[in-house]
PDB file of N, CA and C in Angstrom:
ATOM      1  N   MET A   1      13.853 -43.288 -16.272  1.00  0.00           N
ATOM      2  CA  MET A   1      14.702 -44.012 -15.347  1.00  0.00           C
ATOM      3  C   MET A   1      14.493 -43.437 -13.949  1.00  0.00           C
ATOM      4  N   LYS A   2      14.307 -44.319 -12.990  1.00  0.00           N
ATOM      5  CA  LYS A   2      14.134 -43.893 -11.604  1.00  0.00           C
ATOM      6  C   LYS A   2      15.460 -43.383 -11.050  1.00  0.00           C
ATOM      7  N   ILE A   3      15.349 -42.489 -10.075  1.00  0.00           N
ATOM      8  CA  ILE A   3      16.551 -41.907  -9.475  1.00  0.00           C
ATOM      9  C   ILE A   3      17.373 -42.975  -8.776  1.00  0.00           C
ATOM     10  N   SER A   4      16.717 -43.972  -8.166  1.00  0.00           N
ATOM     11  CA  SER A   4      17.470 -45.021  -7.480  1.00  0.00           C
ATOM     12  C   SER A   4      18.302 -45.836  -8.469  1.00  0.00           C
ATOM     13  N   THR A   5      17.771 -46.061  -9.661  1.00  0.00           N
ATOM     14  CA  THR A   5      18.513 -46.801 -10.684  1.00  0.00           C
ATOM     15  C   THR A   5      19.748 -46.013 -11.109  1.00  0.00           C
ATOM     16  N   LEU A   6      19.582 -44.730 -11.325  1.00  0.00           N
ATOM     17  CA  LEU A   6      20.714 -43.882 -11.701  1.00  0.00           C
ATOM     18  C   LEU A   6      21.770 -43.853 -10.596  1.00  0.00           C
ATOM     19  N   LEU A   7      21.334 -43.734  -9.354  1.00  0.00           N
ATOM     20  CA  LEU A   7      22.271 -43.714  -8.228  1.00  0.00           C
ATOM     21  C   LEU A   7      23.020 -45.040  -8.110  1.00  0.00           C
ATOM     22  N   LYS A   8      22.343 -46.153  -8.412  1.00  0.00           N
ATOM     23  CA  LYS A   8      23.014 -47.458  -8.372  1.00  0.00           C
ATOM     24  C   LYS A   8      24.090 -47.551  -9.448  1.00  0.00           C
ATOM     25  N   TYR A   9      23.789 -47.051 -10.646  1.00  0.00           N
ATOM     26  CA  TYR A   9      24.794 -47.056 -11.708  1.00  0.00           C
ATOM     27  C   TYR A   9      26.007 -46.198 -11.325  1.00  0.00           C
ATOM     28  N   ILE A  10      25.757 -45.023 -10.783  1.00  0.00           N
ATOM     29  CA  ILE A  10      26.853 -44.125 -10.405  1.00  0.00           C
ATOM     30  C   ILE A  10      27.684 -44.733  -9.277  1.00  0.00           C
ATOM     31  N   SER A  11      27.013 -45.206  -8.227  1.00  0.00           N
ATOM     32  CA  SER A  11      27.760 -45.768  -7.097  1.00  0.00           C
ATOM     33  C   SER A  11      28.476 -47.057  -7.501  1.00  0.00           C
ATOM     34  N   GLY A  12      27.864 -47.847  -8.384  1.00  0.00           N
ATOM     35  CA  GLY A  12      28.529 -49.053  -8.876  1.00  0.00           C
ATOM     36  C   GLY A  12      29.791 -48.725  -9.655  1.00  0.00           C
ATOM     37  N   GLY A  13      29.741 -47.677 -10.459  1.00  0.00           N
ATOM     38  CA  GLY A  13      30.923 -47.251 -11.210  1.00  0.00           C
ATOM     39  C   GLY A  13      32.042 -46.766 -10.308  1.00  0.00           C
ATOM     40  N   ILE A  14      31.682 -46.001  -9.286  1.00  0.00           N
ATOM     41  CA  ILE A  14      32.702 -45.509  -8.350  1.00  0.00           C
ATOM     42  C   ILE A  14      33.293 -46.674  -7.561  1.00  0.00           C
ATOM     43  N   GLU A  15      32.438 -47.597  -7.137  1.00  0.00           N
ATOM     44  CA  GLU A  15      32.932 -48.774  -6.413  1.00  0.00           C
ATOM     45  C   GLU A  15      33.882 -49.584  -7.292  1.00  0.00           C
ATOM     46  N   ALA A  16      33.556 -49.707  -8.580  1.00  0.00           N
ATOM     47  CA  ALA A  16      34.438 -50.439  -9.499  1.00  0.00           C
ATOM     48  C   ALA A  16      35.805 -49.755  -9.567  1.00  0.00           C
ATOM     49  N   LEU A  17      35.815 -48.433  -9.627  1.00  0.00           N
ATOM     50  CA  LEU A  17      37.072 -47.687  -9.640  1.00  0.00           C
ATOM     51  C   LEU A  17      37.862 -47.938  -8.360  1.00  0.00           C
ATOM     52  N   LEU A  18      37.179 -47.899  -7.221  1.00  0.00           N
ATOM     53  CA  LEU A  18      37.869 -48.102  -5.941  1.00  0.00           C
ATOM     54  C   LEU A  18      38.333 -49.547  -5.772  1.00  0.00           C
ATOM     55  N   GLY A  19      37.754 -50.480  -6.518  1.00  0.00           N
ATOM     56  CA  GLY A  19      38.146 -51.873  -6.434  1.00  0.00           C
ATOM     57  C   GLY A  19      39.331 -52.247  -7.301  1.00  0.00           C
ATOM     58  N   ILE A  20      39.787 -51.332  -8.143  1.00  0.00           N
ATOM     59  CA  ILE A  20      40.943 -51.621  -8.997  1.00  0.00           C
ATOM     60  C   ILE A  20      42.191 -51.709  -8.115  1.00  0.00           C
ATOM     61  N   PRO A  21      42.901 -52.845  -8.178  1.00  0.00           N
ATOM     62  CA  PRO A  21      44.102 -52.997  -7.344  1.00  0.00           C
ATOM     63  C   PRO A  21      45.085 -51.849  -7.556  1.00  0.00           C
ATOM     64  N   VAL A  22      45.698 -51.421  -6.529  1.00  0.00           N
ATOM     65  CA  VAL A  22      46.672 -50.336  -6.450  1.00  0.00           C
ATOM     66  C   VAL A  22      46.011 -48.981  -6.699  1.00  0.00           C
ATOM     67  N   LEU A  23      45.347 -48.793  -7.832  1.00  0.00           N
ATOM     68  CA  LEU A  23      44.732 -47.495  -8.140  1.00  0.00           C
ATOM     69  C   LEU A  23      43.684 -47.111  -7.098  1.00  0.00           C
ATOM     70  N   GLY A  24      42.796 -48.022  -6.773  1.00  0.00           N
ATOM     71  CA  GLY A  24      41.760 -47.735  -5.783  1.00  0.00           C
ATOM     72  C   GLY A  24      42.357 -47.419  -4.425  1.00  0.00           C
ATOM     73  N   GLY A  25      43.357 -48.198  -4.043  1.00  0.00           N
ATOM     74  CA  GLY A  25      44.031 -47.955  -2.767  1.00  0.00           C
ATOM     75  C   GLY A  25      44.729 -46.603  -2.739  1.00  0.00           C
ATOM     76  N   LEU A  26      45.374 -46.241  -3.854  1.00  0.00           N
ATOM     77  CA  LEU A  26      46.053 -44.941  -3.926  1.00  0.00           C
ATOM     78  C   LEU A  26      45.057 -43.790  -3.814  1.00  0.00           C
ATOM     79  N   VAL A  27      43.904 -43.934  -4.468  1.00  0.00           N
ATOM     80  CA  VAL A  27      42.882 -42.888  -4.400  1.00  0.00           C
ATOM     81  C   VAL A  27      42.410 -42.722  -2.963  1.00  0.00           C
ATOM     82  N   ILE A  28      42.123 -43.821  -2.315  1.00  0.00           N
ATOM     83  CA  ILE A  28      41.598 -43.765  -0.945  1.00  0.00           C
ATOM     84  C   ILE A  28      42.638 -43.214   0.022  1.00  0.00           C
ATOM     85  N   ILE A  29      43.853 -43.728  -0.033  1.00  0.00           N
ATOM     86  CA  ILE A  29      44.892 -43.300   0.907  1.00  0.00           C
ATOM     87  C   ILE A  29      45.319 -41.863   0.647  1.00  0.00           C
ATOM     88  N   SER A  30      45.477 -41.485  -0.628  1.00  0.00           N
ATOM     89  CA  SER A  30      45.939 -40.131  -0.945  1.00  0.00           C
ATOM     90  C   SER A  30      44.929 -39.061  -0.530  1.00  0.00           C
ATOM     91  N   MET A  31      43.671 -39.445  -0.441  1.00  0.00           N
ATOM     92  CA  MET A  31      42.638 -38.473  -0.040  1.00  0.00           C
ATOM     93  C   MET A  31      42.253 -38.633   1.428  1.00  0.00           C
ATOM     94  N   GLY A  32      43.081 -39.358   2.186  1.00  0.00           N
ATOM     95  CA  GLY A  32      42.859 -39.483   3.618  1.00  0.00           C
ATOM     96  C   GLY A  32      41.585 -40.239   3.970  1.00  0.00           C
ATOM     97  N   TRP A  33      41.271 -41.248   3.234  1.00  0.00           N
ATOM     98  CA  TRP A  33      40.103 -42.101   3.446  1.00  0.00           C
ATOM     99  C   TRP A  33      38.777 -41.361   3.273  1.00  0.00           C
ATOM    100  N   THR A  34      38.812 -40.157   2.751  1.00  0.00           N
ATOM    101  CA  THR A  34      37.590 -39.382   2.483  1.00  0.00           C
ATOM    102  C   THR A  34      36.664 -40.074   1.484  1.00  0.00           C
ATOM    103  N   PRO A  35      37.182 -40.753   0.450  1.00  0.00           N
ATOM    104  CA  PRO A  35      36.270 -41.444  -0.469  1.00  0.00           C
ATOM    105  C   PRO A  35      35.378 -42.480   0.234  1.00  0.00           C
ATOM    106  N   LEU A  36      35.897 -43.113   1.278  1.00  0.00           N
ATOM    107  CA  LEU A  36      35.084 -44.079   2.014  1.00  0.00           C
ATOM    108  C   LEU A  36      33.933 -43.391   2.731  1.00  0.00           C
ATOM    109  N   LEU A  37      34.189 -42.242   3.318  1.00  0.00           N
ATOM    110  CA  LEU A  37      33.138 -41.479   3.988  1.00  0.00           C
ATOM    111  C   LEU A  37      32.112 -40.973   2.968  1.00  0.00           C
ATOM    112  N   PHE A  38      32.607 -40.461   1.837  1.00  0.00           N
ATOM    113  CA  PHE A  38      31.705 -39.997   0.777  1.00  0.00           C
ATOM    114  C   PHE A  38      30.816 -41.134   0.294  1.00  0.00           C
ATOM    115  N   MET A  39      31.418 -42.307   0.064  1.00  0.00           N
ATOM    116  CA  MET A  39      30.636 -43.443  -0.432  1.00  0.00           C
ATOM    117  C   MET A  39      29.652 -43.942   0.613  1.00  0.00           C
ATOM    118  N   LEU A  40      29.994 -43.845   1.881  1.00  0.00           N
ATOM    119  CA  LEU A  40      29.053 -44.223   2.939  1.00  0.00           C
ATOM    120  C   LEU A  40      27.795 -43.374   2.838  1.00  0.00           C
ATOM    121  N   VAL A  41      27.973 -42.074   2.734  1.00  0.00           N
ATOM    122  CA  VAL A  41      26.833 -41.163   2.602  1.00  0.00           C
ATOM    123  C   VAL A  41      26.076 -41.435   1.302  1.00  0.00           C
ATOM    124  N   PHE A  42      26.802 -41.648   0.219  1.00  0.00           N
ATOM    125  CA  PHE A  42      26.187 -41.904  -1.084  1.00  0.00           C
ATOM    126  C   PHE A  42      25.349 -43.185  -1.054  1.00  0.00           C
ATOM    127  N   HIS A  43      25.862 -44.233  -0.397  1.00  0.00           N
ATOM    128  CA  HIS A  43      25.111 -45.490  -0.292  1.00  0.00           C
ATOM    129  C   HIS A  43      23.873 -45.327   0.579  1.00  0.00           C
ATOM    130  N   ILE A  44      23.964 -44.520   1.617  1.00  0.00           N
ATOM    131  CA  ILE A  44      22.796 -44.268   2.460  1.00  0.00           C
ATOM    132  C   ILE A  44      21.722 -43.539   1.664  1.00  0.00           C
ATOM    133  N   VAL A  45      22.115 -42.546   0.882  1.00  0.00           N
ATOM    134  CA  VAL A  45      21.162 -41.818   0.034  1.00  0.00           C
ATOM    135  C   VAL A  45      20.530 -42.769  -0.990  1.00  0.00           C
ATOM    136  N   THR A  46      21.353 -43.613  -1.611  1.00  0.00           N
ATOM    137  CA  THR A  46      20.845 -44.584  -2.582  1.00  0.00           C
ATOM    138  C   THR A  46      19.880 -45.559  -1.911  1.00  0.00           C
ATOM    139  N   LEU A  47      20.200 -45.977  -0.700  1.00  0.00           N
ATOM    140  CA  LEU A  47      19.328 -46.884   0.053  1.00  0.00           C
ATOM    141  C   LEU A  47      17.975 -46.237   0.321  1.00  0.00           C
ATOM    142  N   ILE A  48      17.988 -44.988   0.727  1.00  0.00           N
ATOM    143  CA  ILE A  48      16.739 -44.274   1.013  1.00  0.00           C
ATOM    144  C   ILE A  48      15.880 -44.176  -0.244  1.00  0.00           C
ATOM    145  N   PHE A  49      16.483 -43.796  -1.362  1.00  0.00           N
ATOM    146  CA  PHE A  49      15.714 -43.699  -2.613  1.00  0.00           C
ATOM    147  C   PHE A  49      15.217 -45.074  -3.068  1.00  0.00           C
ATOM    148  N   SER A  50      16.045 -46.098  -2.890  1.00  0.00           N
ATOM    149  CA  SER A  50      15.636 -47.449  -3.284  1.00  0.00           C
ATOM    150  C   SER A  50      14.458 -47.933  -2.442  1.00  0.00           C
ATOM    151  N   MET A  51      14.489 -47.658  -1.163  1.00  0.00           N
ATOM    152  CA  MET A  51      13.380 -48.059  -0.289  1.00  0.00           C
ATOM    153  C   MET A  51      12.115 -47.288  -0.648  1.00  0.00           C
ATOM    154  N   LYS A  52      12.273 -46.004  -0.926  1.00  0.00           N
ATOM    155  CA  LYS A  52      11.131 -45.167  -1.282  1.00  0.00           C
ATOM    156  C   LYS A  52      10.492 -45.643  -2.588  1.00  0.00           C
ATOM    157  N   GLU A  53      11.300 -46.062  -3.545  1.00  0.00           N
ATOM    158  CA  GLU A  53      10.806 -46.494  -4.849  1.00  0.00           C
ATOM    159  C   GLU A  53      10.566 -48.004  -4.908  1.00  0.00           C
ATOM    160  N   LYS A  54      10.690 -48.666  -3.740  1.00  0.00           N
ATOM    161  CA  LYS A  54      10.456 -50.112  -3.626  1.00  0.00           C
ATOM    162  C   LYS A  54      11.331 -50.922  -4.598  1.00  0.00           C
ATOM    163  N   GLU A  55      12.599 -50.573  -4.631  1.00  0.00           N
ATOM    164  CA  GLU A  55      13.585 -51.266  -5.464  1.00  0.00           C
ATOM    165  C   GLU A  55      14.481 -52.118  -4.572  1.00  0.00           C
ATOM    166  N   ARG A  56      15.341 -52.914  -5.192  1.00  0.00           N
ATOM    167  CA  ARG A  56      16.283 -53.752  -4.451  1.00  0.00           C
ATOM    168  C   ARG A  56      17.241 -52.887  -3.632  1.00  0.00           C
ATOM    169  N   ILE A  57      17.555 -53.360  -2.427  1.00  0.00           N
ATOM    170  CA  ILE A  57      18.428 -52.594  -1.542  1.00  0.00           C
ATOM    171  C   ILE A  57      19.742 -53.318  -1.235  1.00  0.00           C
ATOM    172  N   HIS A  58      19.907 -54.522  -1.769  1.00  0.00           N
ATOM    173  CA  HIS A  58      21.072 -55.343  -1.432  1.00  0.00           C
ATOM    174  C   HIS A  58      22.396 -54.634  -1.700  1.00  0.00           C
ATOM    175  N   GLY A  59      22.513 -54.028  -2.862  1.00  0.00           N
ATOM    176  CA  GLY A  59      23.757 -53.361  -3.233  1.00  0.00           C
ATOM    177  C   GLY A  59      24.091 -52.193  -2.324  1.00  0.00           C
ATOM    178  N   SER A  60      23.073 -51.429  -1.951  1.00  0.00           N
ATOM    179  CA  SER A  60      23.305 -50.277  -1.081  1.00  0.00           C
ATOM    180  C   SER A  60      23.700 -50.709   0.326  1.00  0.00           C
ATOM    181  N   VAL A  61      23.071 -51.766   0.821  1.00  0.00           N
ATOM    182  CA  VAL A  61      23.416 -52.269   2.155  1.00  0.00           C
ATOM    183  C   VAL A  61      24.855 -52.791   2.156  1.00  0.00           C
ATOM    184  N   LEU A  62      25.215 -53.556   1.132  1.00  0.00           N
ATOM    185  CA  LEU A  62      26.592 -54.041   1.045  1.00  0.00           C
ATOM    186  C   LEU A  62      27.558 -52.870   0.867  1.00  0.00           C
ATOM    187  N   GLY A  63      27.139 -51.834   0.149  1.00  0.00           N
ATOM    188  CA  GLY A  63      27.979 -50.645  -0.016  1.00  0.00           C
ATOM    189  C   GLY A  63      28.262 -49.960   1.308  1.00  0.00           C
ATOM    190  N   ILE A  64      27.272 -49.925   2.194  1.00  0.00           N
ATOM    191  CA  ILE A  64      27.468 -49.333   3.523  1.00  0.00           C
ATOM    192  C   ILE A  64      28.492 -50.153   4.303  1.00  0.00           C
ATOM    193  N   VAL A  65      28.355 -51.477   4.246  1.00  0.00           N
ATOM    194  CA  VAL A  65      29.326 -52.358   4.919  1.00  0.00           C
ATOM    195  C   VAL A  65      30.709 -52.164   4.314  1.00  0.00           C
ATOM    196  N   THR A  66      30.786 -52.090   3.003  1.00  0.00           N
ATOM    197  CA  THR A  66      32.062 -51.903   2.313  1.00  0.00           C
ATOM    198  C   THR A  66      32.718 -50.591   2.722  1.00  0.00           C
ATOM    199  N   SER A  67      31.939 -49.533   2.827  1.00  0.00           N
ATOM    200  CA  SER A  67      32.494 -48.240   3.223  1.00  0.00           C
ATOM    201  C   SER A  67      33.055 -48.278   4.643  1.00  0.00           C
ATOM    202  N   CYS A  68      32.452 -49.084   5.488  1.00  0.00           N
ATOM    203  CA  CYS A  68      32.930 -49.195   6.868  1.00  0.00           C
ATOM    204  C   CYS A  68      34.168 -50.083   6.987  1.00  0.00           C
ATOM    205  N   LEU A  69      34.302 -51.058   6.106  1.00  0.00           N
ATOM    206  CA  LEU A  69      35.428 -51.997   6.174  1.00  0.00           C
ATOM    207  C   LEU A  69      36.460 -51.784   5.073  1.00  0.00           C
ATOM    208  N   GLY A  70      36.244 -50.814   4.215  1.00  0.00           N
ATOM    209  CA  GLY A  70      37.099 -50.599   3.051  1.00  0.00           C
ATOM    210  C   GLY A  70      38.513 -50.172   3.372  1.00  0.00           C
ATOM    211  N   TRP A  71      38.784 -49.772   4.583  1.00  0.00           N
ATOM    212  CA  TRP A  71      40.129 -49.341   4.957  1.00  0.00           C
ATOM    213  C   TRP A  71      41.075 -50.525   5.187  1.00  0.00           C
ATOM    214  N   ILE A  72      40.518 -51.749   5.266  1.00  0.00           N
ATOM    215  CA  ILE A  72      41.335 -52.938   5.494  1.00  0.00           C
ATOM    216  C   ILE A  72      41.906 -53.404   4.146  1.00  0.00           C
ATOM    217  N   PRO A  73      43.239 -53.467   4.037  1.00  0.00           N
ATOM    218  CA  PRO A  73      43.857 -53.877   2.765  1.00  0.00           C
ATOM    219  C   PRO A  73      43.339 -55.241   2.295  1.00  0.00           C
ATOM    220  N   PHE A  74      43.210 -55.394   1.030  1.00  0.00           N
ATOM    221  CA  PHE A  74      42.739 -56.594   0.326  1.00  0.00           C
ATOM    222  C   PHE A  74      41.261 -56.875   0.582  1.00  0.00           C
ATOM    223  N   LEU A  75      40.814 -56.879   1.837  1.00  0.00           N
ATOM    224  CA  LEU A  75      39.395 -57.070   2.116  1.00  0.00           C
ATOM    225  C   LEU A  75      38.595 -55.934   1.486  1.00  0.00           C
ATOM    226  N   GLY A  76      39.087 -54.717   1.633  1.00  0.00           N
ATOM    227  CA  GLY A  76      38.417 -53.559   1.040  1.00  0.00           C
ATOM    228  C   GLY A  76      38.322 -53.677  -0.466  1.00  0.00           C
ATOM    229  N   MET A  77      39.405 -54.092  -1.095  1.00  0.00           N
ATOM    230  CA  MET A  77      39.414 -54.243  -2.551  1.00  0.00           C
ATOM    231  C   MET A  77      38.373 -55.278  -2.988  1.00  0.00           C
ATOM    232  N   ILE A  78      38.350 -56.410  -2.326  1.00  0.00           N
ATOM    233  CA  ILE A  78      37.399 -57.464  -2.670  1.00  0.00           C
ATOM    234  C   ILE A  78      35.964 -56.988  -2.449  1.00  0.00           C
ATOM    235  N   LEU A  79      35.727 -56.317  -1.336  1.00  0.00           N
ATOM    236  CA  LEU A  79      34.381 -55.808  -1.056  1.00  0.00           C
ATOM    237  C   LEU A  79      33.954 -54.761  -2.078  1.00  0.00           C
ATOM    238  N   HIS A  80      34.873 -53.891  -2.492  1.00  0.00           N
ATOM    239  CA  HIS A  80      34.543 -52.884  -3.505  1.00  0.00           C
ATOM    240  C   HIS A  80      34.160 -53.545  -4.826  1.00  0.00           C
ATOM    241  N   ILE A  81      34.877 -54.579  -5.217  1.00  0.00           N
ATOM    242  CA  ILE A  81      34.577 -55.277  -6.473  1.00  0.00           C
ATOM    243  C   ILE A  81      33.213 -55.962  -6.390  1.00  0.00           C
ATOM    244  N   ILE A  82      32.958 -56.675  -5.294  1.00  0.00           N
ATOM    245  CA  ILE A  82      31.673 -57.365  -5.134  1.00  0.00           C
ATOM    246  C   ILE A  82      30.524 -56.364  -5.089  1.00  0.00           C
ATOM    247  N   THR A  83      30.717 -55.269  -4.365  1.00  0.00           N
ATOM    248  CA  THR A  83      29.679 -54.246  -4.268  1.00  0.00           C
ATOM    249  C   THR A  83      29.403 -53.620  -5.630  1.00  0.00           C
ATOM    250  N   ALA A  84      30.457 -53.351  -6.395  1.00  0.00           N
ATOM    251  CA  ALA A  84      30.278 -52.765  -7.725  1.00  0.00           C
ATOM    252  C   ALA A  84      29.442 -53.684  -8.606  1.00  0.00           C
ATOM    253  N   ILE A  85      29.766 -54.957  -8.606  1.00  0.00           N
ATOM    254  CA  ILE A  85      29.017 -55.922  -9.424  1.00  0.00           C
ATOM    255  C   ILE A  85      27.563 -55.963  -8.992  1.00  0.00           C
ATOM    256  N   LEU A  86      27.319 -56.053  -7.688  1.00  0.00           N
ATOM    257  CA  LEU A  86      25.946 -56.140  -7.188  1.00  0.00           C
ATOM    258  C   LEU A  86      25.146 -54.876  -7.498  1.00  0.00           C
ATOM    259  N   LEU A  87      25.751 -53.713  -7.323  1.00  0.00           N
ATOM    260  CA  LEU A  87      25.051 -52.457  -7.618  1.00  0.00           C
ATOM    261  C   LEU A  87      24.727 -52.326  -9.102  1.00  0.00           C
ATOM    262  N   LEU A  88      25.681 -52.678  -9.956  1.00  0.00           N
ATOM    263  CA  LEU A  88      25.439 -52.581 -11.395  1.00  0.00           C
ATOM    264  C   LEU A  88      24.371 -53.576 -11.850  1.00  0.00           C
ATOM    265  N   LEU A  89      24.368 -54.771 -11.268  1.00  0.00           N
ATOM    266  CA  LEU A  89      23.317 -55.739 -11.585  1.00  0.00           C
ATOM    267  C   LEU A  89      21.955 -55.268 -11.079  1.00  0.00           C
ATOM    268  N   ASP A  90      21.918 -54.719  -9.859  1.00  0.00           N
ATOM    269  CA  ASP A  90      20.665 -54.171  -9.320  1.00  0.00           C
ATOM    270  C   ASP A  90      20.138 -53.050 -10.212  1.00  0.00           C
ATOM    271  N   GLY A  91      21.044 -52.163 -10.638  1.00  0.00           N
ATOM    272  CA  GLY A  91      20.639 -51.067 -11.512  1.00  0.00           C
ATOM    273  C   GLY A  91      20.104 -51.568 -12.839  1.00  0.00           C
ATOM    274  N   ARG A  92      20.760 -52.582 -13.377  1.00  0.00           N
ATOM    275  CA  ARG A  92      20.313 -53.154 -14.661  1.00  0.00           C
ATOM    276  C   ARG A  92      18.936 -53.787 -14.528  1.00  0.00           C
ATOM    277  N   ARG A  93      18.731 -54.547 -13.447  1.00  0.00           N
ATOM    278  CA  ARG A  93      17.427 -55.176 -13.229  1.00  0.00           C
ATOM    279  C   ARG A  93      16.333 -54.126 -13.078  1.00  0.00           C
ATOM    280  N   SER A  94      16.622 -53.093 -12.317  1.00  0.00           N
ATOM    281  CA  SER A  94      15.639 -52.021 -12.123  1.00  0.00           C
ATOM    282  C   SER A  94      15.339 -51.327 -13.444  1.00  0.00           C
ATOM    283  N   HIS A  95      16.377 -51.092 -14.232  1.00  0.00           N
ATOM    284  CA  HIS A  95      16.213 -50.418 -15.521  1.00  0.00           C
ATOM    285  C   HIS A  95      15.377 -51.267 -16.473  1.00  0.00           C
ATOM    286  N   LYS A  96      15.633 -52.575 -16.481  1.00  0.00           N
ATOM    287  CA  LYS A  96      14.849 -53.472 -17.339  1.00  0.00           C
ATOM    288  C   LYS A  96      13.389 -53.498 -16.907  1.00  0.00           C
ATOM    289  N   GLN A  97      13.136 -53.493 -15.598  1.00  0.00           N
ATOM    290  CA  GLN A  97      11.759 -53.502 -15.103  1.00  0.00           C
ATOM    291  C   GLN A  97      11.042 -52.207 -15.467  1.00  0.00           C
ATOM    292  N   ASP A  98      11.755 -51.090 -15.442  1.00  0.00           N
ATOM    293  CA  ASP A  98      11.167 -49.797 -15.803  1.00  0.00           C
ATOM    294  C   ASP A  98      10.741 -49.782 -17.269  1.00  0.00           C
ATOM    295  N   ASN A  99      11.485 -50.498 -18.111  1.00  0.00           N
ATOM    296  CA  ASN A  99      11.233 -50.467 -19.555  1.00  0.00           C
ATOM    297  C   ASN A  99      10.286 -51.543 -20.040  1.00  0.00           C
ATOM    298  N   GLU A 100       9.839 -52.439 -19.149  1.00  0.00           N
ATOM    299  CA  GLU A 100       8.911 -53.487 -19.565  1.00  0.00           C
ATOM    300  C   GLU A 100       7.554 -52.889 -19.903  1.00  0.00           C
ATOM    301  N   ILE A 101       6.941 -53.448 -20.923  1.00  0.00           N
ATOM    302  CA  ILE A 101       5.622 -52.990 -21.332  1.00  0.00           C
ATOM    303  C   ILE A 101       4.593 -53.852 -20.609  1.00  0.00           C
ATOM    304  N   THR A 102       3.708 -53.202 -19.907  1.00  0.00           N
ATOM    305  CA  THR A 102       2.649 -53.937 -19.209  1.00  0.00           C
ATOM    306  C   THR A 102       1.346 -53.791 -19.971  1.00  0.00           C
ATOM    307  N   ILE A 103       0.628 -54.895 -20.065  1.00  0.00           N
ATOM    308  CA  ILE A 103      -0.640 -54.900 -20.801  1.00  0.00           C
ATOM    309  C   ILE A 103      -1.781 -55.102 -19.828  1.00  0.00           C
TER     310      ILE A 103
END
């Protein structure tokens, strides 16, 4: 498994957690919006690895946007959910491509 695929799965899981109504907001607010800053850095790292490995970058780019706008109530929740879905789908596609047998 490529490192970018693993990073997409991890960031997608965290985004899914942050997208859970009430719970995600409590995590973000109780930690002083630090999770948004952490995820911004994490998405940038994932983007760099994805570009280096020539993988899809859509989820990481949306994750960067989500981290910047995630402090807005309701919009942040929706963006976290959409980003989680996109990252997990990107990771799955990359994982399937890694496992294909080429002749």
